[in-house]
């Protein structure tokens, strides 16, 4: 019998748990849910195939080969297979851990490793440096350079990922973290106090969304505390295989937020919520279990929190539009939050809700996947856009910045008329001043 803690051909640091690979019964329930398997029909690009690769490495039947590396990053980590699996196999998480093995066993060239280290270890953990780094992007837009670049079609001559990355850029504003009050008081009868976890992408690219989140929470009767000392949740680091930096930032955020006397820690970013709820697993060897359990219990997606608290609807303004909803993978699959956003949308007066076919199918964003695998990402996105088109809805709503970027770009490229709104923008539209 093989030792369940066996690392085999994995290094000991951040190796997938062997017991996680043993759970797979190879029943195939995951296959219809996996976008990359749907594209390729290739067994190794299916959840059960990827788990089998990890198990073979752990059992020393396979070296940590180029194929294992490729599948670790070709996995969208959309977690749809986890939702479908009767045995609770977490293939996405296994691949996520395998990404840390990639950088231990197949290190990048020195210049690439240095650039990666600067972004993950220096820039992202430092909010001030991160915000300063976005100033050129804001000037690029405000000075009209973006208009010239886009109308010249110059980027069409280069790699597709560069053209797409530029095309996905939303209208940039001053980061919200610098402007938002540390405490926003409740309006009307106070119902409690929450802390707001302001994600990096939200403060930099979707500042107005999070501004609406705080306004809605205040209108719903909650004092909102937004600590400026908070750091990145660690989601980008988990995606890129840097679990150690994740632990450092997680420890900082854990201490910061648990020192606050709040009823909940609320986020409007599905990716942040998923990462924050994984602190319990990421820090289990370094932190007291009771503290981790307390923190985990306080983390709430804003839709989850508002539905649990009970949405005050008596003075909401009508929004006379038809709406369809794309479910972010890290909300519906990673956190199991699916009904709550729909409940909020349907509670808004005047809304006609139109259910989308395959609403929980990935949009193809998946952090950097959409730039690393532009062709495959486009195929996944096309399937989503076709489903959006069939609803004939006026507005497409989602609840994660990665999805927002991908969908807005895709709709514009396809010449489709729907604007993409975050759920809190829609609710903010219905919330009186």
Protein backbone atom coordinates (compact mmCIF):
# COMPACT_ATOMS: atom_id res chain seq x y z
CA UNK A 1 0.00 0.00 0.00
CA UNK A 2 1.31 3.42 -0.94
CA UNK A 3 1.85 5.99 1.80
CA UNK A 4 -0.90 8.62 1.59
CA UNK A 5 1.66 11.36 2.29
CA UNK A 6 3.85 10.14 -0.57
CA UNK A 7 5.42 12.84 -2.74
CA UNK A 8 7.06 10.50 -5.25
CA UNK A 9 8.49 12.59 -8.07
CA UNK A 10 7.04 15.79 -6.65
CA UNK A 11 9.26 17.91 -4.42
CA UNK A 12 8.11 17.96 -0.78
CA UNK A 13 7.36 21.68 -0.73
CA UNK A 14 3.80 22.34 -1.92
CA UNK A 15 3.19 18.92 -3.40
CA UNK A 16 -0.39 17.84 -4.20
CA UNK A 17 -1.80 15.62 -1.46
CA UNK A 18 -1.62 12.04 -2.64
CA UNK A 19 -4.93 11.26 -0.95
CA UNK A 20 -6.59 13.88 -3.17
CA UNK A 21 -5.55 11.95 -6.27
CA UNK A 22 -6.83 8.66 -4.82
CA UNK A 23 -10.42 9.90 -4.58
CA UNK A 24 -11.01 9.84 -8.35
CA UNK A 25 -13.19 6.87 -9.38
CA UNK A 26 -12.83 7.69 -13.10
CA UNK A 27 -16.62 7.74 -13.40
CA UNK A 28 -16.53 10.45 -16.08
CA UNK A 29 -19.14 12.74 -14.52
CA UNK A 30 -16.60 15.56 -14.86
CA UNK A 31 -16.10 15.20 -18.60
CA UNK A 32 -19.18 17.12 -19.84
CA UNK A 33 -18.40 19.99 -17.46
CA UNK A 34 -14.81 20.62 -18.57
CA UNK A 35 -14.30 23.33 -21.23
CA UNK A 36 -10.80 22.16 -22.18
CA UNK A 37 -11.95 18.56 -22.63
CA UNK A 38 -14.87 19.84 -24.72
CA UNK A 39 -12.36 21.65 -26.95
CA UNK A 40 -9.76 18.91 -27.33
CA UNK A 41 -11.49 15.59 -26.57
CA UNK A 42 -8.11 14.70 -25.06
CA UNK A 43 -8.17 12.53 -21.92
CA UNK A 44 -5.16 14.22 -20.33
CA UNK A 45 -6.99 17.58 -20.68
CA UNK A 46 -9.95 16.29 -18.68
CA UNK A 47 -10.23 16.56 -14.87
CA UNK A 48 -9.84 12.82 -14.34
CA UNK A 49 -6.92 12.77 -16.78
CA UNK A 50 -5.14 15.54 -14.93
CA UNK A 51 -5.67 13.85 -11.58
CA UNK A 52 -4.32 10.63 -13.09
CA UNK A 53 -1.18 12.49 -14.19
CA UNK A 54 -0.67 13.85 -10.66
CA UNK A 55 -1.19 10.41 -9.18
CA UNK A 56 1.33 8.86 -11.58
CA UNK A 57 3.93 11.46 -10.55
CA UNK A 58 3.24 10.79 -6.86
CA UNK A 59 3.58 7.03 -7.43
CA UNK A 60 6.85 7.51 -9.35
CA UNK A 61 5.34 6.06 -12.50
CA UNK A 62 5.92 9.36 -14.28
CA UNK A 63 8.47 12.13 -14.01
CA UNK A 64 7.22 15.70 -13.72
CA UNK A 65 7.20 16.03 -17.49
CA UNK A 66 6.41 18.81 -19.93
CA UNK A 67 2.93 17.27 -20.36
CA UNK A 68 2.22 17.65 -16.63
CA UNK A 69 3.41 21.26 -16.78
CA UNK A 70 1.21 21.99 -19.79
CA UNK A 71 -1.89 20.54 -18.20
CA UNK A 72 -1.28 22.39 -14.93
CA UNK A 73 -1.63 25.66 -16.85
CA UNK A 74 -4.10 24.54 -19.52
CA UNK A 75 -6.60 23.79 -16.74
CA UNK A 76 -8.93 26.76 -16.35
CA UNK A 77 -9.30 26.00 -12.63
CA UNK A 78 -12.98 26.78 -13.15
CA UNK A 79 -13.93 24.13 -10.54
CA UNK A 80 -16.95 22.97 -12.58
CA UNK A 81 -15.62 19.43 -12.24
CA UNK A 82 -15.69 19.78 -8.45
CA UNK A 83 -19.37 20.67 -8.57
CA UNK A 84 -20.06 17.59 -10.73
CA UNK A 85 -17.84 15.08 -8.89
CA UNK A 86 -19.68 12.60 -6.62
CA UNK A 87 -16.42 11.84 -4.77
CA UNK A 88 -15.43 15.43 -4.04
CA UNK A 89 -12.28 15.35 -6.16
CA UNK A 90 -10.83 18.85 -6.55
CA UNK A 91 -8.97 18.50 -9.82
CA UNK A 92 -8.58 22.26 -10.25
CA UNK A 93 -6.93 22.63 -6.87
CA UNK A 94 -4.61 19.69 -7.62
CA UNK A 95 -3.50 21.46 -10.81
CA UNK A 96 -3.17 24.75 -8.96
CA UNK A 97 -0.71 23.11 -6.56
CA UNK A 98 1.08 21.48 -9.50
CA UNK A 99 1.83 24.98 -10.79
CA UNK A 100 4.07 25.56 -7.79
CA UNK A 101 5.88 22.35 -8.75
CA UNK A 102 6.47 23.73 -12.25
CA UNK A 103 8.60 26.55 -10.88
CA UNK A 104 10.50 24.20 -8.59
CA UNK A 105 11.21 21.52 -11.20
CA UNK A 106 11.27 23.45 -14.47
CA UNK A 107 12.45 26.96 -13.56
CA UNK A 108 12.09 29.83 -16.01
CA UNK A 109 15.06 31.53 -17.69
CA UNK A 110 16.68 34.02 -15.34
CA UNK A 111 15.14 37.18 -16.84
CA UNK A 112 11.64 35.69 -16.88
CA UNK A 113 12.03 34.40 -13.33
CA UNK A 114 13.19 37.86 -12.22
CA UNK A 115 10.22 39.58 -13.85
CA UNK A 116 7.79 37.04 -12.34
CA UNK A 117 9.37 37.50 -8.92
CA UNK A 118 9.08 41.30 -9.15
CA UNK A 119 5.38 41.17 -10.05
CA UNK A 120 4.35 38.50 -7.53
CA UNK A 121 6.71 39.21 -4.62
CA UNK A 122 7.24 42.98 -4.85
CA UNK A 123 4.47 44.71 -6.77
CA UNK A 124 1.26 42.83 -5.90
CA UNK A 125 1.91 42.67 -2.12
CA UNK A 126 2.55 46.44 -2.04
CA UNK A 127 -0.67 48.44 -2.66
CA UNK A 128 1.18 51.75 -3.08
CA UNK A 129 3.60 50.34 -5.66
CA UNK A 130 0.78 48.54 -7.46
CA UNK A 131 -1.30 51.71 -7.72
CA UNK A 132 1.69 53.76 -8.90
CA UNK A 133 2.39 51.18 -11.62
CA UNK A 134 -1.04 51.85 -13.14
CA UNK A 135 -0.43 55.58 -13.64
CA UNK A 136 1.04 55.10 -17.17
CA UNK A 137 -2.11 53.21 -18.18
CA UNK A 138 -4.33 56.08 -16.99
CA UNK A 139 -2.18 58.61 -18.87
CA UNK A 140 -2.24 56.36 -21.95
CA UNK A 141 -6.01 56.76 -21.98
CA UNK A 142 -6.35 60.37 -20.87
CA UNK A 143 -3.74 61.72 -23.32
CA UNK A 144 -5.46 60.07 -26.29
CA UNK A 145 -2.67 57.60 -27.04
CA UNK A 146 -5.09 54.69 -26.69
CA UNK A 147 -7.39 56.19 -29.33
CA UNK A 148 -4.47 56.51 -31.74
CA UNK A 149 -3.25 52.96 -31.08
CA UNK A 150 -6.67 51.40 -31.51
CA UNK A 151 -7.53 53.32 -34.66
CA UNK A 152 -4.14 52.64 -36.26
CA UNK A 153 -4.66 48.87 -35.85
CA UNK A 154 -0.93 48.75 -35.13
CA UNK A 155 -1.28 46.04 -32.48
CA UNK A 156 -2.89 43.71 -35.02
CA UNK A 157 0.62 43.21 -36.41
CA UNK A 158 1.93 41.70 -33.18
CA UNK A 159 1.03 38.66 -31.08
CA UNK A 160 -2.70 38.23 -30.51
CA UNK A 161 -2.35 38.34 -26.74
CA UNK A 162 -0.94 41.88 -26.81
CA UNK A 163 -3.79 43.17 -28.95
CA UNK A 164 -6.32 41.42 -26.72
CA UNK A 165 -4.74 42.66 -23.49
CA UNK A 166 -4.89 46.25 -24.74
CA UNK A 167 -8.42 45.79 -26.00
CA UNK A 168 -9.65 44.46 -22.65
CA UNK A 169 -8.50 47.55 -20.75
CA UNK A 170 -11.51 49.31 -19.19
CA UNK A 171 -11.72 53.04 -18.56
CA UNK A 172 -9.22 53.67 -15.79
CA UNK A 173 -9.82 55.94 -12.80
CA UNK A 174 -7.86 56.90 -9.70
CA UNK A 175 -7.65 53.84 -7.42
CA UNK A 176 -10.55 53.66 -4.99
CA UNK A 177 -8.38 52.67 -2.02
CA UNK A 178 -6.92 56.18 -1.95
CA UNK A 179 -10.36 57.84 -1.98
CA UNK A 180 -12.72 55.65 -0.01
CA UNK A 181 -13.38 56.60 3.62
CA UNK A 182 -12.04 54.22 6.24
CA UNK A 183 -15.56 54.11 7.69
CA UNK A 184 -18.82 54.66 5.81
CA UNK A 185 -21.77 54.96 8.18
CA UNK A 186 -25.07 53.13 7.79
CA UNK A 187 -28.11 54.98 6.54
CA UNK A 188 -31.43 54.56 8.27
CA UNK A 189 -31.74 51.90 10.95
CA UNK A 190 -28.35 50.31 11.56
CA UNK A 191 -28.27 46.53 11.21
CA UNK A 192 -24.60 45.80 11.79
CA UNK A 193 -20.99 46.48 10.84
CA UNK A 194 -19.01 44.87 8.04
CA UNK A 195 -15.44 45.07 6.81
CA UNK A 196 -14.99 45.49 3.08
CA UNK A 197 -12.23 43.56 1.31
CA UNK A 198 -11.34 45.75 -1.66
CA UNK A 199 -9.66 43.60 -4.31
CA UNK A 200 -6.65 44.79 -6.32
CA UNK A 201 -8.35 44.62 -9.72
CA UNK A 202 -11.48 46.21 -8.30
CA UNK A 203 -9.69 49.24 -6.88
CA UNK A 204 -7.55 49.68 -10.01
CA UNK A 205 -9.95 48.86 -12.86
CA UNK A 206 -13.46 48.80 -11.42
CA UNK A 207 -13.33 51.48 -8.76
CA UNK A 208 -16.88 52.62 -9.51
CA UNK A 209 -18.18 49.08 -8.93
CA UNK A 210 -16.74 48.88 -5.43
CA UNK A 211 -17.89 52.42 -4.74
CA UNK A 212 -21.42 51.19 -5.45
CA UNK A 213 -20.86 48.14 -3.23
CA UNK A 214 -20.05 50.35 -0.25
CA UNK A 215 -22.98 52.67 -1.05
CA UNK A 216 -25.42 49.75 -1.27
CA UNK A 217 -24.18 48.21 1.99
CA UNK A 218 -24.53 51.58 3.71
CA UNK A 219 -28.03 52.05 2.33
CA UNK A 220 -28.92 48.56 3.53
CA UNK A 221 -28.09 49.60 7.10
CA UNK A 222 -24.46 48.59 7.63
CA UNK A 223 -21.44 50.55 8.76
CA UNK A 224 -18.67 49.66 6.30
CA UNK A 225 -15.02 49.62 7.39
CA UNK A 226 -12.46 49.54 4.55
CA UNK A 227 -8.96 49.15 6.01
CA UNK A 228 -6.38 50.75 3.74
CA UNK A 229 -3.63 48.43 5.01
CA UNK A 230 -5.17 45.34 3.37
CA UNK A 231 -3.10 43.50 0.79
CA UNK A 232 -3.84 41.37 -2.25
CA UNK A 233 -5.88 38.27 -1.39
CA UNK A 234 -3.32 36.02 -3.09
CA UNK A 235 -5.50 34.78 -5.95
CA UNK A 236 -2.98 35.82 -8.67
CA UNK A 237 -0.21 34.05 -6.76
CA UNK A 238 -2.20 30.84 -6.40
CA UNK A 239 -2.91 30.98 -10.13
CA UNK A 240 0.79 31.36 -10.91
CA UNK A 241 2.04 28.80 -8.40
CA UNK A 242 3.49 31.15 -5.76
CA UNK A 243 1.93 29.70 -2.62
CA UNK A 244 4.58 31.07 -0.26
CA UNK A 245 3.87 34.73 -1.06
CA UNK A 246 0.17 33.89 -0.73
CA UNK A 247 0.81 32.67 2.82
CA UNK A 248 2.63 35.87 3.75
CA UNK A 249 -0.18 38.10 2.50
CA UNK A 250 -2.83 35.80 3.95
CA UNK A 251 -1.23 36.06 7.39
CA UNK A 252 -1.24 39.86 7.12
CA UNK A 253 -4.90 39.99 6.03
CA UNK A 254 -5.95 37.46 8.64
CA UNK A 255 -4.44 39.51 11.49
CA UNK A 256 -5.73 42.81 10.08
CA UNK A 257 -9.36 41.77 9.63
CA UNK A 258 -9.68 39.66 12.77
CA UNK A 259 -8.64 42.69 14.82
CA UNK A 260 -11.80 44.45 13.62
CA UNK A 261 -15.07 44.08 15.50
CA UNK A 262 -17.29 43.25 12.51
CA UNK A 263 -20.14 40.88 11.74
CA UNK A 264 -18.73 39.88 8.35
CA UNK A 265 -15.90 40.49 5.89
CA UNK A 266 -17.54 41.27 2.56
CA UNK A 267 -16.07 41.24 -0.94
CA UNK A 268 -17.54 42.00 -4.36
CA UNK A 269 -14.89 40.00 -6.25
CA UNK A 270 -15.59 36.29 -6.73
CA UNK A 271 -11.90 35.50 -7.16
CA UNK A 272 -11.02 37.30 -3.92
CA UNK A 273 -13.82 35.56 -2.03
CA UNK A 274 -12.64 32.16 -3.20
CA UNK A 275 -9.02 32.86 -2.22
CA UNK A 276 -9.99 34.30 1.17
CA UNK A 277 -12.08 31.24 1.95
CA UNK A 278 -9.05 29.06 1.12
CA UNK A 279 -6.88 30.69 3.83
CA UNK A 280 -8.06 27.93 6.16
CA UNK A 281 -6.31 25.35 3.97
CA UNK A 282 -3.34 27.52 2.92
CA UNK A 283 -2.42 28.47 6.50
CA UNK A 284 -3.47 25.32 8.35
CA UNK A 285 0.13 24.49 9.34
CA UNK A 286 0.99 28.04 10.46
CA UNK A 287 -2.08 29.44 12.22
CA UNK A 288 -4.36 28.47 15.07
CA UNK A 289 -7.28 26.47 13.69
CA UNK A 290 -9.86 28.45 15.71
CA UNK A 291 -8.67 31.73 14.17
CA UNK A 292 -8.78 30.26 10.68
CA UNK A 293 -12.27 28.89 11.27
CA UNK A 294 -13.45 32.26 12.61
CA UNK A 295 -12.02 34.10 9.60
CA UNK A 296 -13.52 31.61 7.14
CA UNK A 297 -16.92 32.00 8.75
CA UNK A 298 -16.84 35.77 8.35
CA UNK A 299 -15.93 35.85 4.64
CA UNK A 300 -19.00 36.58 2.53
CA UNK A 301 -19.55 37.45 -1.09
CA UNK A 302 -21.69 40.59 -1.13
CA UNK A 303 -24.61 38.72 -2.74
CA UNK A 304 -24.34 35.97 -0.14
CA UNK A 305 -24.27 38.54 2.66
CA UNK A 306 -27.20 40.64 1.44
CA UNK A 307 -29.45 37.62 0.91
CA UNK A 308 -28.61 36.26 4.36
CA UNK A 309 -29.23 39.68 5.95
CA UNK A 310 -32.42 40.21 3.96
CA UNK A 311 -32.50 42.86 1.24
CA UNK A 312 -34.47 46.00 2.05
CA UNK A 313 -36.51 46.60 -1.09
CA UNK A 314 -39.17 49.09 0.04
CA UNK A 315 -37.47 52.18 -1.44
CA UNK A 316 -35.57 50.65 -4.36
CA UNK A 317 -36.01 52.46 -7.66
CA UNK A 318 -37.30 50.57 -10.71
CA UNK A 319 -34.83 49.48 -13.39
CA UNK A 320 -36.97 48.70 -16.40
CA UNK A 321 -34.57 46.44 -18.28
CA UNK A 322 -34.23 42.77 -19.18
CA UNK A 323 -31.21 41.13 -17.56
CA UNK A 324 -29.32 37.87 -17.96
CA UNK A 325 -26.61 36.60 -15.63
CA UNK A 326 -23.23 34.94 -16.22
CA UNK A 327 -22.05 33.01 -13.17
CA UNK A 328 -18.36 33.51 -12.32
CA UNK A 329 -16.70 30.12 -11.84
CA UNK A 330 -15.15 31.12 -8.53
CA UNK A 331 -18.54 32.17 -7.23
CA UNK A 332 -20.80 29.28 -8.29
CA UNK A 333 -18.29 26.41 -8.31
CA UNK A 334 -15.58 27.43 -5.85
CA UNK A 335 -17.96 29.01 -3.30
CA UNK A 336 -21.27 27.35 -4.10
CA UNK A 337 -23.03 30.71 -4.51
CA UNK A 338 -25.50 30.51 -7.37
CA UNK A 339 -29.02 31.34 -6.23
CA UNK A 340 -28.18 34.46 -4.23
CA UNK A 341 -27.16 36.74 -7.14
CA UNK A 342 -30.32 35.76 -8.99
CA UNK A 343 -32.40 36.53 -5.91
CA UNK A 344 -30.91 40.03 -5.74
CA UNK A 345 -31.48 40.70 -9.43
CA UNK A 346 -35.09 39.52 -9.25
CA UNK A 347 -35.70 41.69 -6.17
CA UNK A 348 -35.03 44.89 -8.13
CA UNK A 349 -38.31 46.50 -9.26
CA UNK A 350 -38.84 46.55 -13.03
CA UNK A 351 -36.25 43.89 -13.85
CA UNK A 352 -37.17 41.13 -16.27
CA UNK A 353 -34.77 38.27 -15.54
CA UNK A 354 -33.91 36.00 -18.47
CA UNK A 355 -32.06 32.81 -17.56
CA UNK A 356 -29.10 32.06 -19.80
CA UNK A 357 -28.36 28.56 -21.10
CA UNK A 358 -25.12 27.21 -19.58
CA UNK A 359 -24.90 30.22 -17.27
CA UNK A 360 -22.21 28.50 -15.17
CA UNK A 361 -20.03 27.54 -18.17
CA UNK A 362 -16.67 29.35 -18.00
CA UNK A 363 -16.27 32.48 -20.14
CA UNK A 364 -12.63 31.59 -20.94
CA UNK A 365 -11.02 34.32 -18.85
CA UNK A 366 -9.50 32.28 -16.00
CA UNK A 367 -6.90 34.84 -14.89
CA UNK A 368 -4.06 34.72 -17.46
CA UNK A 369 -5.50 31.78 -19.46
CA UNK A 370 -7.20 34.16 -21.90
CA UNK A 371 -3.82 35.64 -22.85
CA UNK A 372 -1.72 32.47 -22.71
CA UNK A 373 -4.21 30.46 -24.78
CA UNK A 374 -5.91 33.10 -26.91
CA UNK A 375 -7.38 30.72 -29.49
CA UNK A 376 -8.84 28.31 -26.94
CA UNK A 377 -10.10 31.20 -24.81
CA UNK A 378 -11.87 32.65 -27.84
CA UNK A 379 -13.62 29.37 -28.57
CA UNK A 380 -14.85 29.13 -24.99
CA UNK A 381 -15.96 32.77 -25.10
CA UNK A 382 -17.81 32.29 -28.39
CA UNK A 383 -19.93 29.59 -26.77
CA UNK A 384 -20.79 31.97 -23.96
CA UNK A 385 -21.57 34.89 -26.28
CA UNK A 386 -23.93 32.73 -28.31
CA UNK A 387 -25.85 31.93 -25.13
CA UNK A 388 -25.96 35.63 -24.21
CA UNK A 389 -27.24 36.50 -27.68
CA UNK A 390 -30.05 33.96 -27.44
CA UNK A 391 -31.47 35.67 -24.33
CA UNK A 392 -31.90 38.98 -26.20
CA UNK A 393 -31.44 40.65 -22.81
CA UNK A 394 -30.66 44.35 -22.51
CA UNK A 395 -27.92 43.86 -19.89
CA UNK A 396 -25.41 41.13 -19.06
CA UNK A 397 -24.63 40.95 -15.34
CA UNK A 398 -21.69 39.19 -13.69
CA UNK A 399 -19.79 39.46 -10.40
CA UNK A 400 -16.06 39.04 -11.04
CA UNK A 401 -13.56 41.42 -12.68
CA UNK A 402 -11.89 38.75 -14.84
CA UNK A 403 -15.24 37.74 -16.30
CA UNK A 404 -16.16 41.41 -16.69
CA UNK A 405 -13.02 42.16 -18.73
CA UNK A 406 -13.40 39.10 -20.97
CA UNK A 407 -17.13 39.48 -21.59
CA UNK A 408 -17.04 43.22 -22.26
CA UNK A 409 -14.21 42.74 -24.76
CA UNK A 410 -15.97 39.79 -26.40
CA UNK A 411 -19.29 41.62 -26.75
CA UNK A 412 -17.59 44.64 -28.30
CA UNK A 413 -15.55 42.51 -30.72
CA UNK A 414 -18.70 40.60 -31.72
CA UNK A 415 -20.66 43.83 -32.26
CA UNK A 416 -23.23 42.88 -29.62
CA UNK A 417 -25.09 45.72 -27.88
CA UNK A 418 -25.29 44.52 -24.27
CA UNK A 419 -23.30 46.42 -21.65
CA UNK A 420 -21.70 44.30 -18.93
CA UNK A 421 -22.55 45.37 -15.40
CA UNK A 422 -21.38 44.05 -12.08
CA UNK A 423 -24.28 42.93 -9.92
CA UNK A 424 -23.58 45.80 -7.52
CA UNK A 425 -23.71 48.36 -10.33
CA UNK A 426 -27.19 47.10 -11.16
CA UNK A 427 -28.26 47.21 -7.54
CA UNK A 428 -26.59 50.60 -7.19
CA UNK A 429 -28.72 51.89 -10.06
CA UNK A 430 -31.81 50.89 -8.06
CA UNK A 431 -30.51 52.37 -4.80
CA UNK A 432 -31.59 55.97 -4.07
CA UNK A 433 -29.02 58.59 -3.11
